[in-house]
Amino acid sequence: MNKEFSFIVIDDSELDCFVIQKVIEHTDNSLGIKTYQNAQQALDAIRNNSENANQLAIILLDLQMPDMKGFEFVEEFEKFPPEIKNNYSIVILSIISSERDHIDVRRKFASDKVNSVIEKPLTTEKLFSVLSRLRSA
């Protein structure tokens, strides 16, 4: 079965949101994209959204944000009921300085909804890798 995807970008930087959106559009301009510069607004939108069950929304989440950090977002997301959580997969976007940092960040997330950790900047190659992994799951 070929899965359909949409994206939710959560990053406090307007420039990063713009660049990530362009990378996604360059990869496949038919994919839906919503951007949020505030993690709480994104949580509220997810809570109130009745997305198509045939579509998996990939959340591209920045870890370092001023009001609500990425870790806090995941903690709040985990409180949602399964019928909401099952429509989403989280990909952490972070500036990671080493492989050890990458492993440490991944270990901090107990959630099975955190699919992967990607070093910024997002590239088409990194995005293709995520999409391939999710399509085969």
Protein backbone atom coordinates (compact mmCIF):
# COMPACT_ATOMS: atom_id res chain seq x y z
CA MET A 1 0.00 0.00 0.00
CA ASN A 2 1.34 3.41 -0.99
CA LYS A 3 0.97 5.78 1.92
CA GLU A 4 0.12 9.43 1.43
CA PHE A 5 1.93 12.02 3.53
CA SER A 6 1.52 15.58 4.64
CA PHE A 7 3.88 17.69 6.72
CA ILE A 8 3.69 19.86 9.80
CA VAL A 9 6.79 21.99 10.29
CA ILE A 10 7.35 23.34 13.80
CA ASP A 11 10.29 25.72 14.05
CA ASP A 12 10.53 29.13 15.71
CA SER A 13 12.65 30.45 12.83
CA GLU A 14 10.60 31.85 9.96
CA LEU A 15 13.59 31.36 7.66
CA ASP A 16 13.98 27.69 8.65
CA CYS A 17 10.25 27.11 8.08
CA PHE A 18 10.56 28.67 4.62
CA VAL A 19 13.62 26.60 3.69
CA ILE A 20 12.07 23.36 4.96
CA GLN A 21 8.88 24.10 3.03
CA LYS A 22 10.89 24.67 -0.17
CA VAL A 23 12.78 21.38 0.31
CA ILE A 24 9.49 19.52 0.74
CA GLU A 25 7.97 21.23 -2.32
CA HIS A 26 11.08 20.43 -4.35
CA THR A 27 10.80 16.78 -3.31
CA ASP A 28 7.09 16.51 -4.10
CA ASN A 29 4.94 19.59 -4.66
CA SER A 30 1.73 17.62 -4.10
CA LEU A 31 2.44 17.09 -0.39
CA GLY A 32 0.44 19.23 2.04
CA ILE A 33 2.51 21.47 4.31
CA LYS A 34 1.51 23.46 7.39
CA THR A 35 4.07 25.53 9.28
CA TYR A 36 4.03 26.76 12.87
CA GLN A 37 6.52 28.95 14.67
CA ASN A 38 4.92 28.11 18.00
CA ALA A 39 4.75 24.52 19.26
CA GLN A 40 1.67 25.14 21.40
CA GLN A 41 -0.26 26.38 18.36
CA ALA A 42 0.75 23.22 16.51
CA LEU A 43 -0.45 21.04 19.41
CA ASP A 44 -3.77 22.89 19.44
CA ALA A 45 -4.16 22.41 15.69
CA ILE A 46 -3.38 18.68 15.96
CA ARG A 47 -5.83 18.29 18.85
CA ASN A 48 -8.62 20.02 16.90
CA ASN A 49 -7.87 18.49 13.50
CA SER A 50 -9.74 15.57 12.02
CA GLU A 51 -7.23 14.54 9.35
CA ASN A 52 -7.88 11.88 6.77
CA ALA A 53 -7.01 8.52 8.37
CA ASN A 54 -5.33 7.38 5.11
CA GLN A 55 -2.74 10.12 5.38
CA LEU A 56 0.20 10.18 7.77
CA ALA A 57 1.29 13.64 8.87
CA ILE A 58 5.03 13.90 9.39
CA ILE A 59 5.89 16.43 12.07
CA LEU A 60 9.29 18.05 11.45
CA LEU A 61 10.10 19.35 14.92
CA ASP A 62 12.86 21.73 15.96
CA LEU A 63 14.22 20.95 19.42
CA GLN A 64 15.38 24.42 20.44
CA MET A 65 12.48 26.84 20.59
CA PRO A 66 11.90 29.66 23.08
CA ASP A 67 8.43 28.99 24.51
CA MET A 68 7.95 25.24 24.25
CA LYS A 69 10.98 23.08 23.49
CA GLY A 70 10.74 20.05 21.23
CA PHE A 71 11.04 17.73 24.23
CA GLU A 72 8.03 19.41 25.85
CA PHE A 73 6.08 19.16 22.60
CA VAL A 74 6.64 15.38 22.47
CA GLU A 75 5.61 15.02 26.14
CA GLU A 76 2.34 16.86 25.44
CA PHE A 77 1.78 14.98 22.17
CA GLU A 78 2.07 11.66 24.03
CA LYS A 79 -0.97 12.64 26.12
CA PHE A 80 -3.20 12.53 23.03
CA PRO A 81 -5.40 9.45 22.54
CA PRO A 82 -4.15 6.77 20.10
CA GLU A 83 -6.73 7.72 17.46
CA ILE A 84 -4.94 11.07 17.14
CA LYS A 85 -1.34 9.93 17.68
CA ASN A 86 -1.58 7.14 15.11
CA ASN A 87 -1.98 9.71 12.31
CA TYR A 88 1.40 11.31 13.03
CA SER A 89 5.09 10.53 12.98
CA ILE A 90 7.67 12.90 14.49
CA VAL A 91 11.04 13.66 12.94
CA ILE A 92 13.35 15.72 15.13
CA LEU A 93 15.36 18.44 13.39
CA SER A 94 18.35 19.59 15.34
CA ILE A 95 21.83 20.97 15.05
CA ILE A 96 23.78 17.90 16.10
CA SER A 97 27.51 18.22 16.48
CA SER A 98 28.46 14.54 16.63
CA GLU A 99 27.16 11.00 16.29
CA ARG A 100 27.18 10.74 20.07
CA ASP A 101 24.89 13.79 20.33
CA HIS A 102 22.60 12.15 17.77
CA ILE A 103 22.39 8.97 19.87
CA ASP A 104 21.87 10.97 23.09
CA VAL A 105 19.00 12.93 21.54
CA ARG A 106 17.37 9.73 20.23
CA ARG A 107 17.62 8.07 23.68
CA LYS A 108 15.84 10.99 25.36
CA PHE A 109 12.70 10.19 23.40
CA ALA A 110 10.82 7.19 24.72
CA SER A 111 8.00 7.80 22.24
CA ASP A 112 7.54 5.33 19.42
CA LYS A 113 6.12 8.29 17.47
CA VAL A 114 9.61 9.80 17.15
CA ASN A 115 10.67 8.24 13.86
CA SER A 116 14.14 9.72 13.52
CA VAL A 117 16.53 12.53 14.32
CA ILE A 118 17.92 14.55 11.42
CA GLU A 119 20.68 17.09 11.49
CA LYS A 120 19.75 20.52 10.15
CA PRO A 121 19.58 21.66 7.45
CA LEU A 122 16.96 19.41 5.89
CA THR A 123 17.97 18.29 2.40
CA THR A 124 16.09 16.40 -0.28
CA GLU A 125 18.30 13.36 0.39
CA LYS A 126 17.43 13.36 4.09
CA LEU A 127 13.76 13.83 3.28
CA PHE A 128 13.79 10.98 0.74
CA SER A 129 15.35 8.76 3.40
CA VAL A 130 12.58 9.58 5.90
CA LEU A 131 9.84 9.05 3.32
CA SER A 132 11.34 5.75 2.22
CA ARG A 133 11.53 4.49 5.81
CA LEU A 134 7.93 5.50 6.50
CA ARG A 135 6.61 4.00 3.26
CA SER A 136 8.19 0.66 4.08
CA ALA A 137 6.84 0.63 7.66
